[in-house]
C-alpha atoms as a PDB file:
ATOM      1  CA  MET A   1       7.588 234.359 144.676  1.00  0.00           C
ATOM      2  CA  GLU A   2      10.296 232.195 143.187  1.00  0.00           C
ATOM      3  CA  TRP A   3      10.964 228.462 143.350  1.00  0.00           C
ATOM      4  CA  ILE A   4      14.479 227.140 142.800  1.00  0.00           C
ATOM      5  CA  ARG A   5      15.265 223.458 142.276  1.00  0.00           C
ATOM      6  CA  ASN A   6      18.623 221.667 142.131  1.00  0.00           C
ATOM      7  CA  LYS A   7      20.594 224.843 142.776  1.00  0.00           C
ATOM      8  CA  SER A   8      20.216 226.820 139.540  1.00  0.00           C
ATOM      9  CA  LEU A   9      19.156 224.089 137.101  1.00  0.00           C
ATOM     10  CA  PHE A  10      15.954 226.002 136.603  1.00  0.00           C
ATOM     11  CA  GLN A  11      13.701 228.495 138.294  1.00  0.00           C
ATOM     12  CA  ILE A  12       9.948 228.893 138.047  1.00  0.00           C
ATOM     13  CA  ARG A  13       8.710 232.377 138.670  1.00  0.00           C
ATOM     14  CA  SER A  14       5.161 233.220 139.743  1.00  0.00           C
ATOM     15  CA  LEU A  15       4.351 234.705 136.325  1.00  0.00           C
ATOM     16  CA  GLY A  16       5.054 231.388 134.610  1.00  0.00           C
ATOM     17  CA  THR A  17       8.455 232.256 133.127  1.00  0.00           C
ATOM     18  CA  LEU A  18      11.111 229.578 133.253  1.00  0.00           C
ATOM     19  CA  LYS A  19      14.732 230.502 133.526  1.00  0.00           C
ATOM     20  CA  PHE A  20      17.154 227.863 132.212  1.00  0.00           C
ATOM     21  CA  LEU A  21      20.764 228.620 133.008  1.00  0.00           C
ATOM     22  CA  ASN A  22      20.238 232.359 132.591  1.00  0.00           C
ATOM     23  CA  ARG A  23      18.047 232.025 129.449  1.00  0.00           C
ATOM     24  CA  GLN A  24      14.390 233.064 129.434  1.00  0.00           C
ATOM     25  CA  ALA A  25      11.739 230.772 127.998  1.00  0.00           C
ATOM     26  CA  ASP A  26       8.146 231.817 127.422  1.00  0.00           C
ATOM     27  CA  THR A  27       5.876 229.064 128.689  1.00  0.00           C
ATOM     28  CA  SER A  28       2.504 230.782 128.305  1.00  0.00           C
ATOM     29  CA  GLY A  29       1.645 228.689 125.227  1.00  0.00           C
ATOM     30  CA  VAL A  30       2.577 225.484 127.012  1.00  0.00           C
ATOM     31  CA  MET A  31       0.629 226.476 130.097  1.00  0.00           C
ATOM     32  CA  ASN A  32      -2.465 227.416 128.053  1.00  0.00           C
ATOM     33  CA  ASN A  33      -2.243 224.107 126.209  1.00  0.00           C
ATOM     34  CA  GLU A  34      -2.014 222.236 129.521  1.00  0.00           C
ATOM     35  CA  VAL A  35      -5.127 224.046 130.775  1.00  0.00           C
ATOM     36  CA  SER A  36      -6.970 223.120 127.569  1.00  0.00           C
ATOM     37  CA  ILE A  37      -5.927 219.493 127.896  1.00  0.00           C
ATOM     38  CA  ALA A  38      -6.940 219.401 131.572  1.00  0.00           C
ATOM     39  CA  THR A  39     -10.346 220.881 130.730  1.00  0.00           C
ATOM     40  CA  ALA A  40     -10.891 218.331 127.960  1.00  0.00           C
ATOM     41  CA  ILE A  41      -9.923 215.488 130.296  1.00  0.00           C
ATOM     42  CA  GLN A  42     -12.343 216.740 132.960  1.00  0.00           C
ATOM     43  CA  ALA A  43     -15.164 216.927 130.407  1.00  0.00           C
ATOM     44  CA  GLU A  44     -14.401 213.393 129.205  1.00  0.00           C
ATOM     45  CA  GLU A  45     -14.290 212.078 132.774  1.00  0.00           C
ATOM     46  CA  ALA A  46     -17.645 213.740 133.497  1.00  0.00           C
ATOM     47  CA  THR A  47     -19.151 212.002 130.459  1.00  0.00           C
ATOM     48  CA  VAL A  48     -17.736 208.670 131.579  1.00  0.00           C
ATOM     49  CA  ARG A  49     -19.030 209.238 135.127  1.00  0.00           C
ATOM     50  CA  GLU A  50     -22.524 210.026 133.821  1.00  0.00           C
ATOM     51  CA  GLY A  51     -22.629 206.619 132.139  1.00  0.00           C
ATOM     52  CA  GLU A  52     -21.054 204.945 135.153  1.00  0.00           C
ATOM     53  CA  ILE A  53     -22.879 201.893 136.455  1.00  0.00           C
ATOM     54  CA  LEU A  54     -23.460 201.865 140.215  1.00  0.00           C
ATOM     55  CA  THR A  55     -24.243 199.053 142.629  1.00  0.00           C
ATOM     56  CA  VAL A  56     -26.883 199.061 145.367  1.00  0.00           C
ATOM     57  CA  VAL A  57     -24.217 199.882 147.959  1.00  0.00           C
ATOM     58  CA  GLU A  58     -22.922 202.830 145.915  1.00  0.00           C
ATOM     59  CA  VAL A  59     -26.429 204.216 145.352  1.00  0.00           C
ATOM     60  CA  ALA A  60     -27.279 203.797 149.040  1.00  0.00           C
ATOM     61  CA  ARG A  61     -24.094 205.646 149.976  1.00  0.00           C
ATOM     62  CA  PHE A  62     -24.830 208.400 147.433  1.00  0.00           C
ATOM     63  CA  LEU A  63     -28.447 208.822 148.591  1.00  0.00           C
ATOM     64  CA  ARG A  64     -27.467 208.297 152.244  1.00  0.00           C
ATOM     65  CA  VAL A  65     -30.158 205.707 152.803  1.00  0.00           C
ATOM     66  CA  PRO A  66     -30.074 202.034 153.830  1.00  0.00           C
ATOM     67  CA  LYS A  67     -29.550 199.395 151.137  1.00  0.00           C
ATOM     68  CA  SER A  68     -33.019 198.052 151.899  1.00  0.00           C
ATOM     69  CA  THR A  69     -34.534 201.371 150.783  1.00  0.00           C
ATOM     70  CA  VAL A  70     -32.646 201.212 147.482  1.00  0.00           C
ATOM     71  CA  TYR A  71     -33.830 197.616 146.906  1.00  0.00           C
ATOM     72  CA  LYS A  72     -37.442 198.574 147.679  1.00  0.00           C
ATOM     73  CA  LEU A  73     -37.435 201.676 145.428  1.00  0.00           C
ATOM     74  CA  ALA A  74     -35.870 199.686 142.581  1.00  0.00           C
ATOM     75  CA  ARG A  75     -38.291 196.774 143.018  1.00  0.00           C
ATOM     76  CA  VAL A  76     -41.420 198.986 142.893  1.00  0.00           C
ATOM     77  CA  GLY A  77     -40.024 200.898 139.909  1.00  0.00           C
ATOM     78  CA  GLU A  78     -39.674 204.262 141.602  1.00  0.00           C
ATOM     79  CA  LEU A  79     -35.884 204.358 141.312  1.00  0.00           C
ATOM     80  CA  PRO A  80     -34.484 203.962 137.760  1.00  0.00           C
ATOM     81  CA  ALA A  81     -32.689 200.623 137.772  1.00  0.00           C
ATOM     82  CA  SER A  82     -31.960 197.497 135.774  1.00  0.00           C
ATOM     83  CA  LYS A  83     -31.808 193.999 137.116  1.00  0.00           C
ATOM     84  CA  ILE A  84     -29.017 191.886 135.682  1.00  0.00           C
ATOM     85  CA  GLY A  85     -29.525 188.342 136.875  1.00  0.00           C
ATOM     86  CA  LYS A  86     -30.119 188.785 140.579  1.00  0.00           C
ATOM     87  CA  HIS A  87     -28.179 192.072 140.803  1.00  0.00           C
ATOM     88  CA  TRP A  88     -29.580 195.600 140.576  1.00  0.00           C
ATOM     89  CA  ARG A  89     -27.569 198.170 138.640  1.00  0.00           C
ATOM     90  CA  PHE A  90     -28.074 201.927 138.298  1.00  0.00           C
ATOM     91  CA  LEU A  91     -26.763 204.596 135.926  1.00  0.00           C
ATOM     92  CA  ARG A  92     -25.294 207.549 137.776  1.00  0.00           C
ATOM     93  CA  ARG A  93     -26.883 210.012 135.322  1.00  0.00           C
ATOM     94  CA  GLU A  94     -30.349 208.540 135.896  1.00  0.00           C
ATOM     95  CA  ILE A  95     -29.955 208.667 139.676  1.00  0.00           C
ATOM     96  CA  HIS A  96     -28.941 212.334 139.441  1.00  0.00           C
ATOM     97  CA  GLU A  97     -31.946 213.087 137.188  1.00  0.00           C
ATOM     98  CA  TRP A  98     -34.256 211.199 139.549  1.00  0.00           C
ATOM     99  CA  MET A  99     -32.989 213.262 142.480  1.00  0.00           C
ATOM    100  CA  ARG A 100     -33.417 216.536 140.555  1.00  0.00           C
ATOM    101  CA  GLY A 101     -36.970 215.531 139.634  1.00  0.00           C
ATOM    102  CA  ARG A 102     -37.816 214.853 143.272  1.00  0.00           C
ATOM    103  CA  SER A 103     -36.428 218.163 144.494  1.00  0.00           C
ATOM    104  CA  ARG A 104     -38.544 220.316 142.166  1.00  0.00           C
ATOM    105  CA  PRO A 105     -41.415 222.110 143.862  1.00  0.00           C
ATOM    106  CA  GLY A 106     -44.733 221.108 142.614  1.00  0.00           C
END
């Protein structure tokens, strides 16, 4: 499979070889580096997401329950939460851990 753009400016072949005006260029190093960078970015985003602060609406949407259930569970201390002023806030990581703890047989 071959992709041609701008009528012979360059071609990208399915094996990752670029052809510039009839010259071959090995792009495997570039492609491997891009994969490494993408993997590192995904890992960093996952870390950021774990520390992400959620609102009552976001937690309710995630748990697929009414907001009133989230308020009640937070108020009685069953759901890991922090109250900032009059607002409840939740860490995504703690909500995930709470869900995993509830799904364990026992």
